[in-house]
Amino acid sequence: MAHRLLKVQAAAALLDASASTVYRLVYAGRLSAVPIGTGKKKPRIRIKSDELDQLMRGER
């Protein structure tokens, strides 16, 4: 099955959390991200939807 890539804001909305929380989960290694180019302050990333589903089910 193909991975859907979500923007940080969309992942945050699904988690009912802030974008900062999503970045913390990524940097803590609890959620994987795909880098999309580079940004000046934070690199632009996308979140794999299947991994977000696993996190929400408590499998990650």
N, C-alpha and C. Protein backbone atom coordinates (compact mmCIF):
# COMPACT_ATOMS: atom_id res chain seq x y z
N MET A 1 0.84 -1.17 0.00
CA MET A 1 0.00 0.00 0.00
C MET A 1 0.89 1.24 0.00
N ALA A 2 0.49 2.24 -0.74
CA ALA A 2 1.28 3.47 -0.83
C ALA A 2 1.13 4.30 0.44
N HIS A 3 2.21 4.94 0.82
CA HIS A 3 2.19 5.82 1.98
C HIS A 3 1.59 7.16 1.58
N ARG A 4 0.71 7.67 2.41
CA ARG A 4 0.26 9.06 2.24
C ARG A 4 1.18 9.90 3.09
N LEU A 5 1.61 11.00 2.56
CA LEU A 5 2.47 11.91 3.30
C LEU A 5 1.64 13.10 3.75
N LEU A 6 1.68 13.37 5.04
CA LEU A 6 0.89 14.45 5.62
C LEU A 6 1.78 15.61 6.02
N LYS A 7 1.27 16.81 5.86
CA LYS A 7 1.97 17.97 6.38
C LYS A 7 1.90 17.92 7.90
N VAL A 8 2.82 18.59 8.55
CA VAL A 8 2.88 18.59 10.02
C VAL A 8 1.56 19.09 10.61
N GLN A 9 1.00 20.13 10.03
CA GLN A 9 -0.26 20.68 10.54
C GLN A 9 -1.40 19.65 10.46
N ALA A 10 -1.44 18.88 9.37
CA ALA A 10 -2.49 17.86 9.22
C ALA A 10 -2.30 16.74 10.24
N ALA A 11 -1.05 16.33 10.45
CA ALA A 11 -0.77 15.31 11.46
C ALA A 11 -1.14 15.81 12.85
N ALA A 12 -0.85 17.07 13.12
CA ALA A 12 -1.19 17.66 14.41
C ALA A 12 -2.70 17.67 14.62
N ALA A 13 -3.45 18.00 13.58
CA ALA A 13 -4.90 18.02 13.69
C ALA A 13 -5.45 16.63 13.99
N LEU A 14 -4.89 15.60 13.36
CA LEU A 14 -5.34 14.23 13.62
C LEU A 14 -5.02 13.79 15.04
N LEU A 15 -3.91 14.28 15.58
CA LEU A 15 -3.53 13.95 16.95
C LEU A 15 -4.20 14.86 17.98
N ASP A 16 -4.89 15.89 17.51
CA ASP A 16 -5.45 16.92 18.38
C ASP A 16 -4.34 17.52 19.25
N ALA A 17 -3.26 17.89 18.57
CA ALA A 17 -2.07 18.42 19.24
C ALA A 17 -1.53 19.57 18.40
N SER A 18 -0.47 20.18 18.87
CA SER A 18 0.15 21.29 18.13
C SER A 18 1.20 20.76 17.16
N ALA A 19 1.58 21.60 16.23
CA ALA A 19 2.66 21.26 15.31
C ALA A 19 3.96 21.03 16.08
N SER A 20 4.17 21.79 17.14
CA SER A 20 5.38 21.62 17.96
C SER A 20 5.45 20.21 18.55
N THR A 21 4.30 19.68 18.94
CA THR A 21 4.26 18.32 19.48
C THR A 21 4.66 17.32 18.43
N VAL A 22 4.20 17.50 17.21
CA VAL A 22 4.57 16.59 16.12
C VAL A 22 6.08 16.64 15.89
N TYR A 23 6.65 17.85 15.85
CA TYR A 23 8.10 17.96 15.70
C TYR A 23 8.83 17.27 16.85
N ARG A 24 8.34 17.41 18.07
CA ARG A 24 8.97 16.74 19.23
C ARG A 24 8.92 15.23 19.07
N LEU A 25 7.79 14.70 18.59
CA LEU A 25 7.68 13.26 18.38
C LEU A 25 8.67 12.78 17.32
N VAL A 26 8.86 13.58 16.29
CA VAL A 26 9.82 13.23 15.24
C VAL A 26 11.25 13.24 15.82
N TYR A 27 11.62 14.31 16.51
CA TYR A 27 12.98 14.42 17.03
C TYR A 27 13.25 13.41 18.13
N ALA A 28 12.20 12.93 18.82
CA ALA A 28 12.36 11.91 19.87
C ALA A 28 12.43 10.50 19.26
N GLY A 29 12.15 10.38 17.96
CA GLY A 29 12.23 9.08 17.31
C GLY A 29 10.95 8.27 17.41
N ARG A 30 9.87 8.84 17.91
CA ARG A 30 8.60 8.12 18.03
C ARG A 30 7.78 8.17 16.76
N LEU A 31 8.15 9.06 15.85
CA LEU A 31 7.44 9.23 14.60
C LEU A 31 8.47 9.53 13.52
N SER A 32 8.38 8.83 12.40
CA SER A 32 9.32 9.05 11.30
C SER A 32 8.81 10.16 10.39
N ALA A 33 9.74 10.86 9.79
CA ALA A 33 9.38 11.94 8.87
C ALA A 33 10.23 11.83 7.61
N VAL A 34 9.67 12.34 6.54
CA VAL A 34 10.37 12.38 5.25
C VAL A 34 10.76 13.83 5.00
N PRO A 35 12.06 14.11 4.85
CA PRO A 35 12.46 15.50 4.59
C PRO A 35 12.07 15.93 3.18
N ILE A 36 11.56 17.13 3.09
CA ILE A 36 11.18 17.72 1.80
C ILE A 36 11.95 19.04 1.69
N GLY A 37 13.09 19.01 1.08
CA GLY A 37 13.90 20.23 0.96
C GLY A 37 14.45 20.67 2.31
N THR A 38 14.83 21.92 2.38
CA THR A 38 15.36 22.48 3.62
C THR A 38 14.67 23.80 3.90
N GLY A 39 14.60 24.13 5.14
CA GLY A 39 14.02 25.40 5.53
C GLY A 39 15.04 26.21 6.30
N LYS A 40 14.77 27.47 6.51
CA LYS A 40 15.72 28.31 7.23
C LYS A 40 15.73 28.01 8.71
N LYS A 41 14.55 27.85 9.33
CA LYS A 41 14.49 27.57 10.75
C LYS A 41 14.31 26.08 11.02
N LYS A 42 13.34 25.47 10.36
CA LYS A 42 13.07 24.04 10.51
C LYS A 42 13.01 23.43 9.12
N PRO A 43 13.60 22.24 8.96
CA PRO A 43 13.47 21.60 7.65
C PRO A 43 12.01 21.25 7.38
N ARG A 44 11.59 21.34 6.14
CA ARG A 44 10.23 20.95 5.79
C ARG A 44 10.15 19.44 5.78
N ILE A 45 9.18 18.89 6.46
CA ILE A 45 9.03 17.44 6.55
C ILE A 45 7.58 17.05 6.27
N ARG A 46 7.41 15.77 5.97
CA ARG A 46 6.08 15.18 5.84
C ARG A 46 6.07 13.93 6.72
N ILE A 47 4.89 13.61 7.23
CA ILE A 47 4.71 12.47 8.13
C ILE A 47 4.00 11.36 7.37
N LYS A 48 4.50 10.13 7.50
CA LYS A 48 3.85 8.99 6.85
C LYS A 48 2.56 8.66 7.61
N SER A 49 1.47 8.59 6.87
CA SER A 49 0.16 8.39 7.51
C SER A 49 0.07 7.05 8.23
N ASP A 50 0.69 6.00 7.68
CA ASP A 50 0.60 4.70 8.35
C ASP A 50 1.34 4.70 9.69
N GLU A 51 2.43 5.43 9.79
CA GLU A 51 3.14 5.52 11.05
C GLU A 51 2.37 6.35 12.07
N LEU A 52 1.68 7.37 11.59
CA LEU A 52 0.84 8.16 12.46
C LEU A 52 -0.31 7.30 13.02
N ASP A 53 -0.88 6.45 12.16
CA ASP A 53 -1.92 5.51 12.60
C ASP A 53 -1.39 4.58 13.69
N GLN A 54 -0.17 4.07 13.49
CA GLN A 54 0.44 3.18 14.49
C GLN A 54 0.63 3.91 15.81
N LEU A 55 1.08 5.14 15.77
CA LEU A 55 1.27 5.93 16.98
C LEU A 55 -0.05 6.12 17.70
N MET A 56 -1.10 6.41 16.96
CA MET A 56 -2.40 6.65 17.56
C MET A 56 -2.99 5.36 18.17
N ARG A 57 -2.62 4.20 17.62
CA ARG A 57 -3.07 2.92 18.18
C ARG A 57 -2.18 2.45 19.33
N GLY A 58 -1.11 3.19 19.61
CA GLY A 58 -0.20 2.81 20.68
C GLY A 58 0.82 1.78 20.32
N GLU A 59 1.04 1.57 19.03
CA GLU A 59 2.00 0.58 18.56
C GLU A 59 3.40 1.13 18.37
N ARG A 60 3.58 2.43 18.56
CA ARG A 60 4.90 3.07 18.40
C ARG A 60 5.24 3.79 19.67
